[in-house]
Every structure is written in C-alpha cells, then in structure tokens.
C-alpha cells in the first residue's frame, strides 16, 4: 500500500488494475471496501513467493522477512495497513511456524517528525519509525550430526549473541538515492542480512533472496562463506547486481572461476 508500488501490482494482477484504474483515473474515490480488497490482493500476490520459499526450504530452514507497515490516505481516509500481521497470518496458513520476531528501529535525523495536527489533540498520529523482521521455520529444529564441522566453524561470540538475539535492533538505514530505482532499493544496510545469515545458517548453506534488489544479500552471503540464489523482477537492476557481487572483477573475490564464467554467460 505504498504508492511507489501501485504500478507494479497493477501490472501483476488484472483484478487490482481493474479496481485501481477504474476508480482513480476517472476522479472517483476508492471506498474502504475496495481499498481493503486491493490490499488483500496485493498480499495474495506475495503469497506465491512465500509458498515457493516453503517448498524449497530444507526441514528446519528459516525464512526472515523484513517488512514495514504502511500508512496512506485513500479517498480522504487515512489509515494504517498492518503488513506484518497480515504476512504472519498468510505464512501460518502455508504451514510455517512463527518464531519471535525482531523489531528494527531506525535512528532518524528527524526525531520529532510526526503526522497530524501539531500540538493539538486528538488528530495527531504516531510516527512509523520501525520495521519488522519476521522469522518463521519450516518444521521443527534443524538436525546436525554431533560436532558438525560447518556448524562449529560458523559459531558466533557471546557478545554477538547478546545483541543479535535481542528483539530490538537499532541500525541506521543506508542512504537513499534520489532516483526511483534508488528509493526502492537503497535503504537496506548490509548489517541486517549479515546478522540474519550468521544467526540462521552455517557455512556452505544456500541462502535464497527472492527480492534481490541491488544484490546486498548475495554479496554478504558470499562474504560469509554461503552460496546464494537471488531473484529480481526489475531487469534494470541487473548491471548493479553484477557489479555489487564482483562479477566484473578479473579475480572474483567471493567464489571460484566457475561462478565467474556462469555470470559471464548470463551477462
């Protein structure tokens, strides 16, 4: 329900296009029923991705979803769209087990930013200054052989554990570019996937990122000794992704020559 994504969802789903275009383009307002219908359809489209993630995960595998709620005025009606709670419902319906989630609180340069009526009650709104990192598991805990070498080689320190496994993370977002592509991809700092990959995988595991963006997760996974497969619907990002993961380097910093040759073939 962020305006930036309207065009994408209209392209993906003719039902959304019919409702959205039929009302907004002729000057009519969407009523609450229509708005919630579009919201539901958007999550139905994302559910195809979550179902595929469930299919490919190993037993005991984890999925981490960084998602923010949205606020928006449609037809003069301002409201919250609770994306994180709807996502939890959908993944549980698919078969995932919900685990305690993380709240990513973003320090801001505008701590006094707010929405509404200034200092006068009652029409001000709480500022959205956090996102959720939802964590789900497929089945029960993952099994390892006793003294598994890869597992012990992936061990983290007590200091890391004490910070990473607390529920509130305070990590500043990466700077955002001014162009459209930059705004939709540049606010995801490397520290987020770095922590999650170390917390929930071992060296040699394969990490899947179905929303690759500029390749942040793939870059970090390779640096941490994991394999990574990524998907990105926006083909304009392909050169950025290849550059980010070092595909243009003469000596690839993260993988062997077979990966370099594969990337050349793709390119």
C-alpha atoms as a PDB file:
ATOM      1  CA  UNK A   1       0.000   0.000   0.000  1.00  0.00           C
ATOM      2  CA  UNK A   2       2.932   2.340  -0.655  1.00  0.00           C
ATOM      3  CA  UNK A   3       2.175   4.435  -3.730  1.00  0.00           C
ATOM      4  CA  UNK A   4       5.536   3.622  -5.304  1.00  0.00           C
ATOM      5  CA  UNK A   5       4.421   0.006  -5.807  1.00  0.00           C
ATOM      6  CA  UNK A   6       0.985   0.686  -7.343  1.00  0.00           C
ATOM      7  CA  UNK A   7       2.180   0.301 -10.931  1.00  0.00           C
ATOM      8  CA  UNK A   8       3.934  -2.987 -10.187  1.00  0.00           C
ATOM      9  CA  UNK A   9       0.900  -4.554  -8.529  1.00  0.00           C
ATOM     10  CA  UNK A  10      -1.423  -3.326 -11.302  1.00  0.00           C
ATOM     11  CA  UNK A  11       0.867  -4.983 -13.820  1.00  0.00           C
ATOM     12  CA  UNK A  12       0.980  -8.224 -11.839  1.00  0.00           C
ATOM     13  CA  UNK A  13      -2.734  -8.599 -11.147  1.00  0.00           C
ATOM     14  CA  UNK A  14      -5.552  -7.587 -13.544  1.00  0.00           C
ATOM     15  CA  UNK A  15      -8.014  -7.567 -10.636  1.00  0.00           C
ATOM     16  CA  UNK A  16      -6.007  -4.817  -8.923  1.00  0.00           C
ATOM     17  CA  UNK A  17      -5.655  -2.941 -12.196  1.00  0.00           C
ATOM     18  CA  UNK A  18      -9.401  -3.047 -12.775  1.00  0.00           C
ATOM     19  CA  UNK A  19     -10.267  -1.641  -9.354  1.00  0.00           C
ATOM     20  CA  UNK A  20      -7.394   0.838  -9.046  1.00  0.00           C
ATOM     21  CA  UNK A  21      -7.560   2.260 -12.569  1.00  0.00           C
ATOM     22  CA  UNK A  22     -11.323   2.200 -12.891  1.00  0.00           C
ATOM     23  CA  UNK A  23     -11.780   4.414  -9.850  1.00  0.00           C
ATOM     24  CA  UNK A  24      -8.759   6.654  -9.514  1.00  0.00           C
ATOM     25  CA  UNK A  25      -8.365   7.565 -13.193  1.00  0.00           C
ATOM     26  CA  UNK A  26     -11.905   8.932 -13.515  1.00  0.00           C
ATOM     27  CA  UNK A  27     -11.762  11.015 -10.366  1.00  0.00           C
ATOM     28  CA  UNK A  28     -13.805   8.695  -8.177  1.00  0.00           C
ATOM     29  CA  UNK A  29     -12.630   7.683  -4.735  1.00  0.00           C
ATOM     30  CA  UNK A  30     -11.989   4.152  -3.594  1.00  0.00           C
ATOM     31  CA  UNK A  31     -14.226   3.323  -0.660  1.00  0.00           C
ATOM     32  CA  UNK A  32     -12.954   1.335   2.317  1.00  0.00           C
ATOM     33  CA  UNK A  33     -14.274  -1.953   0.947  1.00  0.00           C
ATOM     34  CA  UNK A  34     -12.429  -1.501  -2.363  1.00  0.00           C
ATOM     35  CA  UNK A  35      -9.255  -0.360  -0.628  1.00  0.00           C
ATOM     36  CA  UNK A  36      -9.159  -3.416   1.615  1.00  0.00           C
ATOM     37  CA  UNK A  37      -9.901  -5.621  -1.388  1.00  0.00           C
ATOM     38  CA  UNK A  38      -6.841  -4.262  -3.216  1.00  0.00           C
ATOM     39  CA  UNK A  39      -4.770  -4.673  -0.039  1.00  0.00           C
ATOM     40  CA  UNK A  40      -5.828  -8.318   0.237  1.00  0.00           C
ATOM     41  CA  UNK A  41      -4.994  -8.970  -3.429  1.00  0.00           C
ATOM     42  CA  UNK A  42      -1.524  -7.467  -3.026  1.00  0.00           C
ATOM     43  CA  UNK A  43      -0.772  -9.911  -0.224  1.00  0.00           C
ATOM     44  CA  UNK A  44      -2.218 -12.770  -2.295  1.00  0.00           C
ATOM     45  CA  UNK A  45       0.390 -11.988  -4.970  1.00  0.00           C
ATOM     46  CA  UNK A  46       3.187 -12.021  -2.388  1.00  0.00           C
ATOM     47  CA  UNK A  47       1.848 -15.324  -1.065  1.00  0.00           C
ATOM     48  CA  UNK A  48       3.018 -17.052  -4.274  1.00  0.00           C
ATOM     49  CA  UNK A  49       6.578 -16.160  -3.234  1.00  0.00           C
ATOM     50  CA  UNK A  50       6.103 -17.387   0.345  1.00  0.00           C
ATOM     51  CA  UNK A  51       4.698 -20.711  -0.917  1.00  0.00           C
ATOM     52  CA  UNK A  52       7.702 -21.219  -3.174  1.00  0.00           C
ATOM     53  CA  UNK A  53      10.050 -20.399  -0.274  1.00  0.00           C
ATOM     54  CA  UNK A  54       8.295 -23.046   1.800  1.00  0.00           C
ATOM     55  CA  UNK A  55       8.721 -25.591  -0.995  1.00  0.00           C
ATOM     56  CA  UNK A  56      12.466 -25.085  -1.411  1.00  0.00           C
ATOM     57  CA  UNK A  57      13.420 -24.737   2.269  1.00  0.00           C
ATOM     58  CA  UNK A  58      15.006 -27.693   3.985  1.00  0.00           C
ATOM     59  CA  UNK A  59      13.298 -29.115   7.054  1.00  0.00           C
ATOM     60  CA  UNK A  60      14.191 -26.782   9.897  1.00  0.00           C
ATOM     61  CA  UNK A  61      15.077 -23.996   7.447  1.00  0.00           C
ATOM     62  CA  UNK A  62      14.337 -20.392   8.377  1.00  0.00           C
ATOM     63  CA  UNK A  63      12.774 -17.537   6.434  1.00  0.00           C
ATOM     64  CA  UNK A  64      13.299 -13.933   7.560  1.00  0.00           C
ATOM     65  CA  UNK A  65      11.041 -11.241   6.105  1.00  0.00           C
ATOM     66  CA  UNK A  66      11.900  -7.565   6.585  1.00  0.00           C
ATOM     67  CA  UNK A  67       8.588  -5.744   6.150  1.00  0.00           C
ATOM     68  CA  UNK A  68       7.220  -2.377   7.168  1.00  0.00           C
ATOM     69  CA  UNK A  69       3.657  -1.378   7.815  1.00  0.00           C
ATOM     70  CA  UNK A  70       2.212   1.405   5.670  1.00  0.00           C
ATOM     71  CA  UNK A  71       0.090   4.489   6.231  1.00  0.00           C
ATOM     72  CA  UNK A  72      -1.840   6.057   3.395  1.00  0.00           C
ATOM     73  CA  UNK A  73      -4.734   8.373   2.628  1.00  0.00           C
ATOM     74  CA  UNK A  74      -7.088   6.989   0.003  1.00  0.00           C
ATOM     75  CA  UNK A  75     -10.286   8.845  -0.773  1.00  0.00           C
ATOM     76  CA  UNK A  76      -9.602  11.194   2.127  1.00  0.00           C
ATOM     77  CA  UNK A  77      -9.369   8.279   4.567  1.00  0.00           C
ATOM     78  CA  UNK A  78      -6.037   7.977   6.428  1.00  0.00           C
ATOM     79  CA  UNK A  79      -5.265   4.609   7.969  1.00  0.00           C
ATOM     80  CA  UNK A  80      -2.619   2.036   8.825  1.00  0.00           C
ATOM     81  CA  UNK A  81      -2.136  -1.087   6.735  1.00  0.00           C
ATOM     82  CA  UNK A  82      -0.609  -3.687   9.052  1.00  0.00           C
ATOM     83  CA  UNK A  83       1.536  -5.616   6.594  1.00  0.00           C
ATOM     84  CA  UNK A  84       3.447  -7.516   9.250  1.00  0.00           C
ATOM     85  CA  UNK A  85       0.345  -9.016  10.880  1.00  0.00           C
ATOM     86  CA  UNK A  86      -1.204  -9.982   7.534  1.00  0.00           C
ATOM     87  CA  UNK A  87       2.069 -11.630   6.499  1.00  0.00           C
ATOM     88  CA  UNK A  88       2.144 -13.686   9.703  1.00  0.00           C
ATOM     89  CA  UNK A  89      -1.380 -14.929   9.024  1.00  0.00           C
ATOM     90  CA  UNK A  90      -0.529 -15.938   5.446  1.00  0.00           C
ATOM     91  CA  UNK A  91       2.699 -17.778   6.317  1.00  0.00           C
ATOM     92  CA  UNK A  92       0.986 -19.699   9.093  1.00  0.00           C
ATOM     93  CA  UNK A  93      -1.722 -20.738   6.622  1.00  0.00           C
ATOM     94  CA  UNK A  94       1.035 -22.002   4.290  1.00  0.00           C
ATOM     95  CA  UNK A  95       2.489 -24.134   7.092  1.00  0.00           C
ATOM     96  CA  UNK A  96       5.326 -22.082   8.570  1.00  0.00           C
ATOM     97  CA  UNK A  97       5.850 -21.909  12.316  1.00  0.00           C
ATOM     98  CA  UNK A  98       6.074 -18.368  13.651  1.00  0.00           C
ATOM     99  CA  UNK A  99       9.088 -17.643  15.868  1.00  0.00           C
ATOM    100  CA  UNK A 100       9.765 -14.500  17.941  1.00  0.00           C
ATOM    101  CA  UNK A 101      10.392 -11.629  15.564  1.00  0.00           C
ATOM    102  CA  UNK A 102      12.784  -8.671  15.577  1.00  0.00           C
ATOM    103  CA  UNK A 103      11.827  -5.006  15.599  1.00  0.00           C
ATOM    104  CA  UNK A 104      14.223  -2.908  13.539  1.00  0.00           C
ATOM    105  CA  UNK A 105      14.118   0.614  14.940  1.00  0.00           C
ATOM    106  CA  UNK A 106      15.781   3.085  12.609  1.00  0.00           C
ATOM    107  CA  UNK A 107      17.574   6.031  14.231  1.00  0.00           C
ATOM    108  CA  UNK A 108      16.499   9.137  12.352  1.00  0.00           C
ATOM    109  CA  UNK A 109      17.825  12.614  11.745  1.00  0.00           C
ATOM    110  CA  UNK A 110      14.269  13.890  12.295  1.00  0.00           C
ATOM    111  CA  UNK A 111      13.301  12.537  15.724  1.00  0.00           C
ATOM    112  CA  UNK A 112      10.391  14.964  16.015  1.00  0.00           C
ATOM    113  CA  UNK A 113       8.737  14.031  12.729  1.00  0.00           C
ATOM    114  CA  UNK A 114       5.039  13.360  13.166  1.00  0.00           C
ATOM    115  CA  UNK A 115       1.761  13.275  11.284  1.00  0.00           C
ATOM    116  CA  UNK A 116      -1.406  15.116  12.102  1.00  0.00           C
ATOM    117  CA  UNK A 117      -2.463  18.214  13.977  1.00  0.00           C
ATOM    118  CA  UNK A 118       0.668  19.636  15.591  1.00  0.00           C
ATOM    119  CA  UNK A 119       0.332  20.049  19.356  1.00  0.00           C
ATOM    120  CA  UNK A 120      -3.452  19.845  19.432  1.00  0.00           C
ATOM    121  CA  UNK A 121      -5.285  16.666  20.405  1.00  0.00           C
ATOM    122  CA  UNK A 122      -6.837  14.476  19.146  1.00  0.00           C
ATOM    123  CA  UNK A 123      -5.895  14.120  15.485  1.00  0.00           C
ATOM    124  CA  UNK A 124      -2.136  13.504  15.511  1.00  0.00           C
ATOM    125  CA  UNK A 125      -0.722  10.113  14.524  1.00  0.00           C
ATOM    126  CA  UNK A 126       2.115   8.018  15.903  1.00  0.00           C
ATOM    127  CA  UNK A 127       5.148   8.071  13.585  1.00  0.00           C
ATOM    128  CA  UNK A 128       6.185   4.822  11.898  1.00  0.00           C
ATOM    129  CA  UNK A 129       9.894   4.606  12.745  1.00  0.00           C
ATOM    130  CA  UNK A 130      10.399   0.842  12.791  1.00  0.00           C
ATOM    131  CA  UNK A 131      10.093  -2.215  10.587  1.00  0.00           C
ATOM    132  CA  UNK A 132       9.557  -5.847  11.462  1.00  0.00           C
ATOM    133  CA  UNK A 133      11.893  -8.730  10.703  1.00  0.00           C
ATOM    134  CA  UNK A 134       9.552 -11.690  10.867  1.00  0.00           C
ATOM    135  CA  UNK A 135      11.093 -15.111  11.436  1.00  0.00           C
ATOM    136  CA  UNK A 136       9.480 -18.424  10.519  1.00  0.00           C
ATOM    137  CA  UNK A 137      10.647 -22.033  10.424  1.00  0.00           C
ATOM    138  CA  UNK A 138       9.655 -24.965   8.246  1.00  0.00           C
ATOM    139  CA  UNK A 139       9.006 -27.808  10.644  1.00  0.00           C
ATOM    140  CA  UNK A 140      10.981 -28.450  13.809  1.00  0.00           C
ATOM    141  CA  UNK A 141      14.578 -27.541  14.677  1.00  0.00           C
ATOM    142  CA  UNK A 142      17.186 -28.401  12.076  1.00  0.00           C
ATOM    143  CA  UNK A 143      19.246 -31.530  12.786  1.00  0.00           C
ATOM    144  CA  UNK A 144      23.042 -31.732  12.648  1.00  0.00           C
ATOM    145  CA  UNK A 145      25.495 -34.559  13.191  1.00  0.00           C
ATOM    146  CA  UNK A 146      27.368 -34.413  16.513  1.00  0.00           C
ATOM    147  CA  UNK A 147      30.275 -31.929  16.361  1.00  0.00           C
ATOM    148  CA  UNK A 148      29.315 -30.915  12.831  1.00  0.00           C
ATOM    149  CA  UNK A 149      32.371 -29.078  11.475  1.00  0.00           C
ATOM    150  CA  UNK A 150      30.499 -26.475   9.429  1.00  0.00           C
ATOM    151  CA  UNK A 151      28.251 -25.672  12.360  1.00  0.00           C
ATOM    152  CA  UNK A 152      31.153 -25.146  14.736  1.00  0.00           C
ATOM    153  CA  UNK A 153      33.048 -23.140  12.111  1.00  0.00           C
ATOM    154  CA  UNK A 154      30.019 -20.830  11.945  1.00  0.00           C
ATOM    155  CA  UNK A 155      29.886 -20.146  15.684  1.00  0.00           C
ATOM    156  CA  UNK A 156      29.322 -16.574  16.842  1.00  0.00           C
ATOM    157  CA  UNK A 157      30.575 -14.917  20.023  1.00  0.00           C
ATOM    158  CA  UNK A 158      28.641 -14.309  23.244  1.00  0.00           C
ATOM    159  CA  UNK A 159      28.819 -10.568  22.593  1.00  0.00           C
ATOM    160  CA  UNK A 160      27.257 -11.050  19.161  1.00  0.00           C
ATOM    161  CA  UNK A 161      24.616 -13.402  20.523  1.00  0.00           C
ATOM    162  CA  UNK A 162      23.578 -10.959  23.237  1.00  0.00           C
ATOM    163  CA  UNK A 163      22.976  -8.216  20.654  1.00  0.00           C
ATOM    164  CA  UNK A 164      21.656 -10.238  17.735  1.00  0.00           C
ATOM    165  CA  UNK A 165      19.115 -12.279  19.680  1.00  0.00           C
ATOM    166  CA  UNK A 166      17.552  -9.319  21.445  1.00  0.00           C
ATOM    167  CA  UNK A 167      14.217  -8.271  19.979  1.00  0.00           C
ATOM    168  CA  UNK A 168      15.017  -4.624  19.214  1.00  0.00           C
ATOM    169  CA  UNK A 169      17.775  -3.744  16.735  1.00  0.00           C
ATOM    170  CA  UNK A 170      18.861  -0.136  16.266  1.00  0.00           C
ATOM    171  CA  UNK A 171      20.612   0.079  12.902  1.00  0.00           C
ATOM    172  CA  UNK A 172      20.664   3.161  10.729  1.00  0.00           C
ATOM    173  CA  UNK A 173      19.248   2.646   7.234  1.00  0.00           C
ATOM    174  CA  UNK A 174      21.548   3.003   4.244  1.00  0.00           C
ATOM    175  CA  UNK A 175      21.417   6.393   2.448  1.00  0.00           C
ATOM    176  CA  UNK A 176      18.734   6.584  -0.214  1.00  0.00           C
ATOM    177  CA  UNK A 177      19.370   7.831  -3.732  1.00  0.00           C
ATOM    178  CA  UNK A 178      17.095  10.427  -5.297  1.00  0.00           C
ATOM    179  CA  UNK A 179      16.060   8.406  -8.367  1.00  0.00           C
ATOM    180  CA  UNK A 180      13.150   5.963  -8.412  1.00  0.00           C
ATOM    181  CA  UNK A 181      15.351   2.850  -8.510  1.00  0.00           C
ATOM    182  CA  UNK A 182      17.478   4.183  -5.670  1.00  0.00           C
ATOM    183  CA  UNK A 183      14.483   4.938  -3.463  1.00  0.00           C
ATOM    184  CA  UNK A 184      13.161   1.405  -3.786  1.00  0.00           C
ATOM    185  CA  UNK A 185      16.470  -0.391  -3.175  1.00  0.00           C
ATOM    186  CA  UNK A 186      18.947   1.683  -1.174  1.00  0.00           C
ATOM    187  CA  UNK A 187      17.644   1.651   2.389  1.00  0.00           C
ATOM    188  CA  UNK A 188      18.752  -1.875   3.299  1.00  0.00           C
ATOM    189  CA  UNK A 189      22.064  -1.865   5.215  1.00  0.00           C
ATOM    190  CA  UNK A 190      24.408  -4.840   4.924  1.00  0.00           C
ATOM    191  CA  UNK A 191      24.332  -5.349   8.691  1.00  0.00           C
ATOM    192  CA  UNK A 192      20.779  -6.720   8.544  1.00  0.00           C
ATOM    193  CA  UNK A 193      21.455  -9.722   6.253  1.00  0.00           C
ATOM    194  CA  UNK A 194      24.902 -10.174   7.820  1.00  0.00           C
ATOM    195  CA  UNK A 195      23.363 -10.818  11.223  1.00  0.00           C
ATOM    196  CA  UNK A 196      20.494 -12.960   9.957  1.00  0.00           C
ATOM    197  CA  UNK A 197      22.707 -15.154   7.765  1.00  0.00           C
ATOM    198  CA  UNK A 198      25.093 -15.816  10.639  1.00  0.00           C
ATOM    199  CA  UNK A 199      22.236 -16.445  13.073  1.00  0.00           C
ATOM    200  CA  UNK A 200      20.273 -18.884  10.947  1.00  0.00           C
ATOM    201  CA  UNK A 201      22.669 -20.649   8.566  1.00  0.00           C
ATOM    202  CA  UNK A 202      26.042 -22.373   8.567  1.00  0.00           C
ATOM    203  CA  UNK A 203      28.938 -22.076   6.158  1.00  0.00           C
ATOM    204  CA  UNK A 204      28.211 -23.859   2.898  1.00  0.00           C
ATOM    205  CA  UNK A 205      24.439 -23.385   3.178  1.00  0.00           C
ATOM    206  CA  UNK A 206      22.478 -21.856   0.311  1.00  0.00           C
ATOM    207  CA  UNK A 207      20.699 -18.565   1.003  1.00  0.00           C
ATOM    208  CA  UNK A 208      17.709 -17.580  -1.142  1.00  0.00           C
ATOM    209  CA  UNK A 209      16.717 -13.941  -1.680  1.00  0.00           C
ATOM    210  CA  UNK A 210      13.513 -13.688  -3.761  1.00  0.00           C
ATOM    211  CA  UNK A 211      13.646  -9.862  -3.681  1.00  0.00           C
ATOM    212  CA  UNK A 212      17.279  -9.280  -4.578  1.00  0.00           C
ATOM    213  CA  UNK A 213      17.222  -5.528  -5.226  1.00  0.00           C
ATOM    214  CA  UNK A 214      20.805  -4.372  -5.715  1.00  0.00           C
ATOM    215  CA  UNK A 215      22.306  -7.667  -4.511  1.00  0.00           C
ATOM    216  CA  UNK A 216      23.040  -6.805  -0.869  1.00  0.00           C
ATOM    217  CA  UNK A 217      22.100 -10.231   0.492  1.00  0.00           C
ATOM    218  CA  UNK A 218      24.015 -12.082  -2.220  1.00  0.00           C
ATOM    219  CA  UNK A 219      27.157 -10.013  -1.582  1.00  0.00           C
ATOM    220  CA  UNK A 220      27.009 -10.577   2.176  1.00  0.00           C
ATOM    221  CA  UNK A 221      26.219 -14.291   1.854  1.00  0.00           C
ATOM    222  CA  UNK A 222      29.271 -14.828  -0.343  1.00  0.00           C
ATOM    223  CA  UNK A 223      31.488 -12.931   2.099  1.00  0.00           C
ATOM    224  CA  UNK A 224      30.242 -15.215   4.874  1.00  0.00           C
ATOM    225  CA  UNK A 225      31.005 -18.433   3.001  1.00  0.00           C
ATOM    226  CA  UNK A 226      27.439 -19.201   1.937  1.00  0.00           C
ATOM    227  CA  UNK A 227      26.036 -19.826  -1.508  1.00  0.00           C
ATOM    228  CA  UNK A 228      23.232 -17.529  -2.644  1.00  0.00           C
ATOM    229  CA  UNK A 229      20.473 -17.595  -5.229  1.00  0.00           C
ATOM    230  CA  UNK A 230      18.616 -14.365  -5.911  1.00  0.00           C
ATOM    231  CA  UNK A 231      15.642 -13.242  -7.984  1.00  0.00           C
ATOM    232  CA  UNK A 232      14.801  -9.698  -9.061  1.00  0.00           C
ATOM    233  CA  UNK A 233      11.787  -8.646 -11.140  1.00  0.00           C
ATOM    234  CA  UNK A 234      13.285  -5.303 -12.225  1.00  0.00           C
ATOM    235  CA  UNK A 235      15.760  -6.054 -15.022  1.00  0.00           C
ATOM    236  CA  UNK A 236      17.172  -2.524 -14.804  1.00  0.00           C
ATOM    237  CA  UNK A 237      18.980  -3.635 -11.656  1.00  0.00           C
ATOM    238  CA  UNK A 238      20.933  -6.440 -13.317  1.00  0.00           C
ATOM    239  CA  UNK A 239      24.119  -4.382 -14.024  1.00  0.00           C
ATOM    240  CA  UNK A 240      24.065  -3.053 -10.458  1.00  0.00           C
ATOM    241  CA  UNK A 241      23.718  -6.558  -9.022  1.00  0.00           C
ATOM    242  CA  UNK A 242      26.571  -7.942 -11.132  1.00  0.00           C
ATOM    243  CA  UNK A 243      28.817  -5.047 -10.135  1.00  0.00           C
ATOM    244  CA  UNK A 244      27.868  -5.421  -6.467  1.00  0.00           C
ATOM    245  CA  UNK A 245      28.876  -9.072  -6.314  1.00  0.00           C
ATOM    246  CA  UNK A 246      32.126  -8.515  -8.219  1.00  0.00           C
ATOM    247  CA  UNK A 247      31.134 -10.201 -11.469  1.00  0.00           C
ATOM    248  CA  UNK A 248      33.179  -7.700 -13.479  1.00  0.00           C
ATOM    249  CA  UNK A 249      36.340  -8.263 -11.428  1.00  0.00           C
ATOM    250  CA  UNK A 250      39.187 -10.190 -13.058  1.00  0.00           C
ATOM    251  CA  UNK A 251      39.551 -12.255  -9.894  1.00  0.00           C
ATOM    252  CA  UNK A 252      36.217 -12.879  -8.256  1.00  0.00           C
ATOM    253  CA  UNK A 253      36.591 -12.113  -4.528  1.00  0.00           C
ATOM    254  CA  UNK A 254      33.935 -14.476  -3.232  1.00  0.00           C
ATOM    255  CA  UNK A 255      33.644 -17.569  -5.419  1.00  0.00           C
ATOM    256  CA  UNK A 256      35.616 -19.800  -7.777  1.00  0.00           C
ATOM    257  CA  UNK A 257      36.073 -19.365 -11.521  1.00  0.00           C
ATOM    258  CA  UNK A 258      33.024 -21.494 -12.357  1.00  0.00           C
ATOM    259  CA  UNK A 259      30.770 -18.857 -10.800  1.00  0.00           C
ATOM    260  CA  UNK A 260      32.547 -16.111 -12.735  1.00  0.00           C
ATOM    261  CA  UNK A 261      32.096 -17.985 -16.017  1.00  0.00           C
ATOM    262  CA  UNK A 262      28.428 -18.588 -15.206  1.00  0.00           C
ATOM    263  CA  UNK A 263      27.900 -14.875 -14.570  1.00  0.00           C
ATOM    264  CA  UNK A 264      29.651 -14.041 -17.831  1.00  0.00           C
ATOM    265  CA  UNK A 265      27.318 -16.398 -19.633  1.00  0.00           C
ATOM    266  CA  UNK A 266      24.299 -14.716 -18.029  1.00  0.00           C
ATOM    267  CA  UNK A 267      25.666 -11.311 -18.908  1.00  0.00           C
END
